[in-house]
Amino acid sequence: MREGMAGEEMTTVRIHSIEKYVGESTDTKPTSALVGSEFWETDTKNVYIVYEKIAGVANWILKKEKS
């Protein structure tokens, strides 16, 4: 279930604040990051994005692989 403004179930999520993180692939990605936030891995050059939050925890997915 995706969490909305007050925790209600939603299919569309309004992105009101995007955070950008930088770290290595061995670093733990923030679990409290907002939907739409990005994490750039300096060692692999991969970029991850928070697609949704499940039970309040960020679900990071690969947005762009190193080219």
PDB file of N, CA and C in Angstrom:
ATOM      1  N   MET A   1       0.846  -1.179   0.000  1.00  0.00           N
ATOM      2  CA  MET A   1       0.000   0.000   0.000  1.00  0.00           C
ATOM      3  C   MET A   1       0.887   1.236   0.000  1.00  0.00           C
ATOM      4  N   ARG A   2       0.571   2.192  -0.829  1.00  0.00           N
ATOM      5  CA  ARG A   2       1.275   3.463  -0.830  1.00  0.00           C
ATOM      6  C   ARG A   2       0.650   4.370   0.213  1.00  0.00           C
ATOM      7  N   GLU A   3       1.475   5.167   0.856  1.00  0.00           N
ATOM      8  CA  GLU A   3       0.967   6.074   1.869  1.00  0.00           C
ATOM      9  C   GLU A   3       0.751   7.453   1.284  1.00  0.00           C
ATOM     10  N   GLY A   4      -0.404   8.015   1.542  1.00  0.00           N
ATOM     11  CA  GLY A   4      -0.709   9.370   1.106  1.00  0.00           C
ATOM     12  C   GLY A   4      -0.404  10.369   2.198  1.00  0.00           C
ATOM     13  N   MET A   5      -0.977  11.543   2.080  1.00  0.00           N
ATOM     14  CA  MET A   5      -0.719  12.630   3.014  1.00  0.00           C
ATOM     15  C   MET A   5      -1.066  12.247   4.453  1.00  0.00           C
ATOM     16  N   ALA A   6      -2.140  11.508   4.659  1.00  0.00           N
ATOM     17  CA  ALA A   6      -2.538  11.136   6.009  1.00  0.00           C
ATOM     18  C   ALA A   6      -2.495   9.622   6.200  1.00  0.00           C
ATOM     19  N   GLY A   7      -1.710   8.925   5.371  1.00  0.00           N
ATOM     20  CA  GLY A   7      -1.573   7.495   5.483  1.00  0.00           C
ATOM     21  C   GLY A   7      -2.629   6.704   4.722  1.00  0.00           C
ATOM     22  N   GLU A   8      -3.543   7.392   4.014  1.00  0.00           N
ATOM     23  CA  GLU A   8      -4.578   6.679   3.274  1.00  0.00           C
ATOM     24  C   GLU A   8      -3.989   6.035   2.028  1.00  0.00           C
ATOM     25  N   GLU A   9      -4.652   5.010   1.512  1.00  0.00           N
ATOM     26  CA  GLU A   9      -4.179   4.309   0.321  1.00  0.00           C
ATOM     27  C   GLU A   9      -4.386   5.184  -0.910  1.00  0.00           C
ATOM     28  N   MET A  10      -3.350   5.235  -1.764  1.00  0.00           N
ATOM     29  CA  MET A  10      -3.410   6.074  -2.957  1.00  0.00           C
ATOM     30  C   MET A  10      -2.778   5.353  -4.133  1.00  0.00           C
ATOM     31  N   THR A  11      -3.173   5.712  -5.340  1.00  0.00           N
ATOM     32  CA  THR A  11      -2.497   5.220  -6.533  1.00  0.00           C
ATOM     33  C   THR A  11      -1.617   6.314  -7.128  1.00  0.00           C
ATOM     34  N   THR A  12      -1.891   7.555  -6.790  1.00  0.00           N
ATOM     35  CA  THR A  12      -1.094   8.683  -7.248  1.00  0.00           C
ATOM     36  C   THR A  12      -0.498   9.361  -6.025  1.00  0.00           C
ATOM     37  N   VAL A  13       0.782   9.692  -6.105  1.00  0.00           N
ATOM     38  CA  VAL A  13       1.447  10.309  -4.966  1.00  0.00           C
ATOM     39  C   VAL A  13       1.950  11.686  -5.372  1.00  0.00           C
ATOM     40  N   ARG A  14       1.589  12.693  -4.627  1.00  0.00           N
ATOM     41  CA  ARG A  14       2.072  14.050  -4.863  1.00  0.00           C
ATOM     42  C   ARG A  14       3.473  14.178  -4.287  1.00  0.00           C
ATOM     43  N   ILE A  15       4.427  14.558  -5.131  1.00  0.00           N
ATOM     44  CA  ILE A  15       5.799  14.744  -4.658  1.00  0.00           C
ATOM     45  C   ILE A  15       5.948  16.205  -4.255  1.00  0.00           C
ATOM     46  N   HIS A  16       6.146  16.405  -2.969  1.00  0.00           N
ATOM     47  CA  HIS A  16       6.220  17.770  -2.472  1.00  0.00           C
ATOM     48  C   HIS A  16       7.634  18.174  -2.078  1.00  0.00           C
ATOM     49  N   SER A  17       8.501  17.221  -1.945  1.00  0.00           N
ATOM     50  CA  SER A  17       9.874  17.531  -1.579  1.00  0.00           C
ATOM     51  C   SER A  17      10.747  16.341  -1.977  1.00  0.00           C
ATOM     52  N   ILE A  18      11.703  16.600  -2.856  1.00  0.00           N
ATOM     53  CA  ILE A  18      12.595  15.538  -3.293  1.00  0.00           C
ATOM     54  C   ILE A  18      13.950  15.735  -2.631  1.00  0.00           C
ATOM     55  N   GLU A  19      14.458  14.678  -2.045  1.00  0.00           N
ATOM     56  CA  GLU A  19      15.771  14.710  -1.413  1.00  0.00           C
ATOM     57  C   GLU A  19      16.751  13.970  -2.308  1.00  0.00           C
ATOM     58  N   LYS A  20      17.989  14.423  -2.341  1.00  0.00           N
ATOM     59  CA  LYS A  20      19.028  13.760  -3.130  1.00  0.00           C
ATOM     60  C   LYS A  20      20.126  13.329  -2.178  1.00  0.00           C
ATOM     61  N   TYR A  21      20.531  12.055  -2.321  1.00  0.00           N
ATOM     62  CA  TYR A  21      21.566  11.474  -1.477  1.00  0.00           C
ATOM     63  C   TYR A  21      22.714  11.001  -2.350  1.00  0.00           C
ATOM     64  N   VAL A  22      23.912  11.002  -1.784  1.00  0.00           N
ATOM     65  CA  VAL A  22      25.097  10.517  -2.475  1.00  0.00           C
ATOM     66  C   VAL A  22      25.828   9.592  -1.520  1.00  0.00           C
ATOM     67  N   GLY A  23      26.265   8.440  -2.010  1.00  0.00           N
ATOM     68  CA  GLY A  23      27.007   7.497  -1.191  1.00  0.00           C
ATOM     69  C   GLY A  23      27.545   6.373  -2.051  1.00  0.00           C
ATOM     70  N   GLU A  24      28.116   5.380  -1.414  1.00  0.00           N
ATOM     71  CA  GLU A  24      28.640   4.214  -2.123  1.00  0.00           C
ATOM     72  C   GLU A  24      27.602   3.101  -2.124  1.00  0.00           C
ATOM     73  N   SER A  25      27.800   2.130  -2.990  1.00  0.00           N
ATOM     74  CA  SER A  25      26.838   1.031  -3.125  1.00  0.00           C
ATOM     75  C   SER A  25      26.731   0.199  -1.843  1.00  0.00           C
ATOM     76  N   THR A  26      27.755   0.234  -1.024  1.00  0.00           N
ATOM     77  CA  THR A  26      27.740  -0.528   0.239  1.00  0.00           C
ATOM     78  C   THR A  26      27.048   0.228   1.367  1.00  0.00           C
ATOM     79  N   ASP A  27      26.735   1.507   1.145  1.00  0.00           N
ATOM     80  CA  ASP A  27      26.048   2.300   2.163  1.00  0.00           C
ATOM     81  C   ASP A  27      24.569   1.922   2.221  1.00  0.00           C
ATOM     82  N   THR A  28      23.997   1.997   3.405  1.00  0.00           N
ATOM     83  CA  THR A  28      22.570   1.754   3.572  1.00  0.00           C
ATOM     84  C   THR A  28      21.804   2.982   3.107  1.00  0.00           C
ATOM     85  N   LYS A  29      20.845   2.771   2.225  1.00  0.00           N
ATOM     86  CA  LYS A  29      20.033   3.877   1.749  1.00  0.00           C
ATOM     87  C   LYS A  29      19.039   4.276   2.852  1.00  0.00           C
ATOM     88  N   PRO A  30      18.754   5.573   2.982  1.00  0.00           N
ATOM     89  CA  PRO A  30      17.852   6.038   4.041  1.00  0.00           C
ATOM     90  C   PRO A  30      16.459   5.415   3.931  1.00  0.00           C
ATOM     91  N   THR A  31      15.953   4.892   5.023  1.00  0.00           N
ATOM     92  CA  THR A  31      14.627   4.273   5.021  1.00  0.00           C
ATOM     93  C   THR A  31      13.517   5.302   5.175  1.00  0.00           C
ATOM     94  N   SER A  32      13.863   6.507   5.628  1.00  0.00           N
ATOM     95  CA  SER A  32      12.848   7.543   5.843  1.00  0.00           C
ATOM     96  C   SER A  32      12.745   8.519   4.676  1.00  0.00           C
ATOM     97  N   ALA A  33      13.447   8.250   3.568  1.00  0.00           N
ATOM     98  CA  ALA A  33      13.429   9.147   2.406  1.00  0.00           C
ATOM     99  C   ALA A  33      12.026   9.257   1.827  1.00  0.00           C
ATOM    100  N   LEU A  34      11.733  10.417   1.259  1.00  0.00           N
ATOM    101  CA  LEU A  34      10.428  10.677   0.670  1.00  0.00           C
ATOM    102  C   LEU A  34      10.314  10.077  -0.733  1.00  0.00           C
ATOM    103  N   VAL A  35       9.091   9.798  -1.162  1.00  0.00           N
ATOM    104  CA  VAL A  35       8.848   9.292  -2.510  1.00  0.00           C
ATOM    105  C   VAL A  35       9.398  10.306  -3.517  1.00  0.00           C
ATOM    106  N   GLY A  36      10.154   9.827  -4.502  1.00  0.00           N
ATOM    107  CA  GLY A  36      10.764  10.682  -5.505  1.00  0.00           C
ATOM    108  C   GLY A  36      12.207  11.038  -5.203  1.00  0.00           C
ATOM    109  N   SER A  37      12.669  10.752  -3.988  1.00  0.00           N
ATOM    110  CA  SER A  37      14.050  11.044  -3.619  1.00  0.00           C
ATOM    111  C   SER A  37      14.997  10.150  -4.402  1.00  0.00           C
ATOM    112  N   GLU A  38      16.241  10.627  -4.591  1.00  0.00           N
ATOM    113  CA  GLU A  38      17.228   9.886  -5.372  1.00  0.00           C
ATOM    114  C   GLU A  38      18.488   9.605  -4.564  1.00  0.00           C
ATOM    115  N   PHE A  39      19.144   8.502  -4.908  1.00  0.00           N
ATOM    116  CA  PHE A  39      20.423   8.119  -4.293  1.00  0.00           C
ATOM    117  C   PHE A  39      21.390   7.793  -5.419  1.00  0.00           C
ATOM    118  N   TRP A  40      22.487   8.540  -5.504  1.00  0.00           N
ATOM    119  CA  TRP A  40      23.508   8.321  -6.524  1.00  0.00           C
ATOM    120  C   TRP A  40      24.675   7.595  -5.887  1.00  0.00           C
ATOM    121  N   GLU A  41      25.027   6.421  -6.439  1.00  0.00           N
ATOM    122  CA  GLU A  41      26.162   5.642  -5.946  1.00  0.00           C
ATOM    123  C   GLU A  41      27.428   6.114  -6.654  1.00  0.00           C
ATOM    124  N   THR A  42      28.353   6.661  -5.890  1.00  0.00           N
ATOM    125  CA  THR A  42      29.572   7.227  -6.477  1.00  0.00           C
ATOM    126  C   THR A  42      30.484   6.166  -7.070  1.00  0.00           C
ATOM    127  N   ASP A  43      30.459   4.946  -6.533  1.00  0.00           N
ATOM    128  CA  ASP A  43      31.363   3.901  -7.032  1.00  0.00           C
ATOM    129  C   ASP A  43      30.814   3.178  -8.256  1.00  0.00           C
ATOM    130  N   THR A  44      29.484   3.024  -8.360  1.00  0.00           N
ATOM    131  CA  THR A  44      28.890   2.316  -9.504  1.00  0.00           C
ATOM    132  C   THR A  44      28.275   3.273 -10.516  1.00  0.00           C
ATOM    133  N   LYS A  45      28.034   4.500 -10.100  1.00  0.00           N
ATOM    134  CA  LYS A  45      27.357   5.533 -10.908  1.00  0.00           C
ATOM    135  C   LYS A  45      25.881   5.228 -11.140  1.00  0.00           C
ATOM    136  N   ASN A  46      25.323   4.223 -10.460  1.00  0.00           N
ATOM    137  CA  ASN A  46      23.900   3.908 -10.552  1.00  0.00           C
ATOM    138  C   ASN A  46      23.089   4.933  -9.778  1.00  0.00           C
ATOM    139  N   VAL A  47      21.869   5.199 -10.246  1.00  0.00           N
ATOM    140  CA  VAL A  47      20.958   6.120  -9.571  1.00  0.00           C
ATOM    141  C   VAL A  47      19.706   5.340  -9.176  1.00  0.00           C
ATOM    142  N   TYR A  48      19.307   5.480  -7.916  1.00  0.00           N
ATOM    143  CA  TYR A  48      18.106   4.824  -7.385  1.00  0.00           C
ATOM    144  C   TYR A  48      17.089   5.885  -7.016  1.00  0.00           C
ATOM    145  N   ILE A  49      15.811   5.530  -7.059  1.00  0.00           N
ATOM    146  CA  ILE A  49      14.743   6.446  -6.708  1.00  0.00           C
ATOM    147  C   ILE A  49      13.781   5.728  -5.754  1.00  0.00           C
ATOM    148  N   VAL A  50      13.200   6.492  -4.827  1.00  0.00           N
ATOM    149  CA  VAL A  50      12.170   5.923  -3.955  1.00  0.00           C
ATOM    150  C   VAL A  50      10.879   5.899  -4.758  1.00  0.00           C
ATOM    151  N   TYR A  51      10.438   4.702  -5.099  1.00  0.00           N
ATOM    152  CA  TYR A  51       9.232   4.509  -5.900  1.00  0.00           C
ATOM    153  C   TYR A  51       7.975   4.611  -5.045  1.00  0.00           C
ATOM    154  N   GLU A  52       8.053   4.054  -3.852  1.00  0.00           N
ATOM    155  CA  GLU A  52       6.926   4.072  -2.930  1.00  0.00           C
ATOM    156  C   GLU A  52       7.439   3.803  -1.522  1.00  0.00           C
ATOM    157  N   LYS A  53       6.574   4.009  -0.553  1.00  0.00           N
ATOM    158  CA  LYS A  53       6.895   3.663   0.825  1.00  0.00           C
ATOM    159  C   LYS A  53       5.937   2.560   1.250  1.00  0.00           C
ATOM    160  N   ILE A  54       6.487   1.515   1.814  1.00  0.00           N
ATOM    161  CA  ILE A  54       5.686   0.388   2.285  1.00  0.00           C
ATOM    162  C   ILE A  54       5.857   0.320   3.793  1.00  0.00           C
ATOM    163  N   ALA A  55       4.745   0.434   4.507  1.00  0.00           N
ATOM    164  CA  ALA A  55       4.760   0.446   5.969  1.00  0.00           C
ATOM    165  C   ALA A  55       5.726   1.508   6.497  1.00  0.00           C
ATOM    166  N   GLY A  56       5.781   2.650   5.795  1.00  0.00           N
ATOM    167  CA  GLY A  56       6.614   3.763   6.230  1.00  0.00           C
ATOM    168  C   GLY A  56       8.081   3.671   5.861  1.00  0.00           C
ATOM    169  N   VAL A  57       8.464   2.619   5.119  1.00  0.00           N
ATOM    170  CA  VAL A  57       9.864   2.413   4.750  1.00  0.00           C
ATOM    171  C   VAL A  57      10.039   2.632   3.253  1.00  0.00           C
ATOM    172  N   ALA A  58      11.062   3.420   2.887  1.00  0.00           N
ATOM    173  CA  ALA A  58      11.324   3.729   1.482  1.00  0.00           C
ATOM    174  C   ALA A  58      11.671   2.468   0.694  1.00  0.00           C
ATOM    175  N   ASN A  59      11.058   2.325  -0.474  1.00  0.00           N
ATOM    176  CA  ASN A  59      11.333   1.214  -1.387  1.00  0.00           C
ATOM    177  C   ASN A  59      12.165   1.776  -2.544  1.00  0.00           C
ATOM    178  N   TRP A  60      13.477   1.554  -2.503  1.00  0.00           N
ATOM    179  CA  TRP A  60      14.398   2.073  -3.522  1.00  0.00           C
ATOM    180  C   TRP A  60      14.429   1.136  -4.722  1.00  0.00           C
ATOM    181  N   ILE A  61      14.322   1.716  -5.939  1.00  0.00           N
ATOM    182  CA  ILE A  61      14.449   0.929  -7.162  1.00  0.00           C
ATOM    183  C   ILE A  61      15.485   1.594  -8.066  1.00  0.00           C
ATOM    184  N   LEU A  62      16.087   0.812  -8.940  1.00  0.00           N
ATOM    185  CA  LEU A  62      17.096   1.325  -9.860  1.00  0.00           C
ATOM    186  C   LEU A  62      16.419   2.221 -10.895  1.00  0.00           C
ATOM    187  N   LYS A  63      16.877   3.460 -10.976  1.00  0.00           N
ATOM    188  CA  LYS A  63      16.333   4.413 -11.950  1.00  0.00           C
ATOM    189  C   LYS A  63      17.190   4.437 -13.205  1.00  0.00           C
ATOM    190  N   LYS A  64      18.498   4.457 -13.019  1.00  0.00           N
ATOM    191  CA  LYS A  64      19.384   4.542 -14.170  1.00  0.00           C
ATOM    192  C   LYS A  64      20.688   3.815 -13.864  1.00  0.00           C
ATOM    193  N   GLU A  65      21.012   2.859 -14.735  1.00  0.00           N
ATOM    194  CA  GLU A  65      22.293   2.157 -14.603  1.00  0.00           C
ATOM    195  C   GLU A  65      23.391   2.980 -15.238  1.00  0.00           C
ATOM    196  N   LYS A  66      24.594   2.729 -14.764  1.00  0.00           N
ATOM    197  CA  LYS A  66      25.764   3.370 -15.349  1.00  0.00           C
ATOM    198  C   LYS A  66      25.766   3.109 -16.843  1.00  0.00           C
ATOM    199  N   SER A  67      26.020   4.180 -17.625  1.00  0.00           N
ATOM    200  CA  SER A  67      26.060   3.988 -19.080  1.00  0.00           C
ATOM    201  C   SER A  67      27.471   3.939 -19.600  1.00  0.00           C
TER     202      SER A  67
END
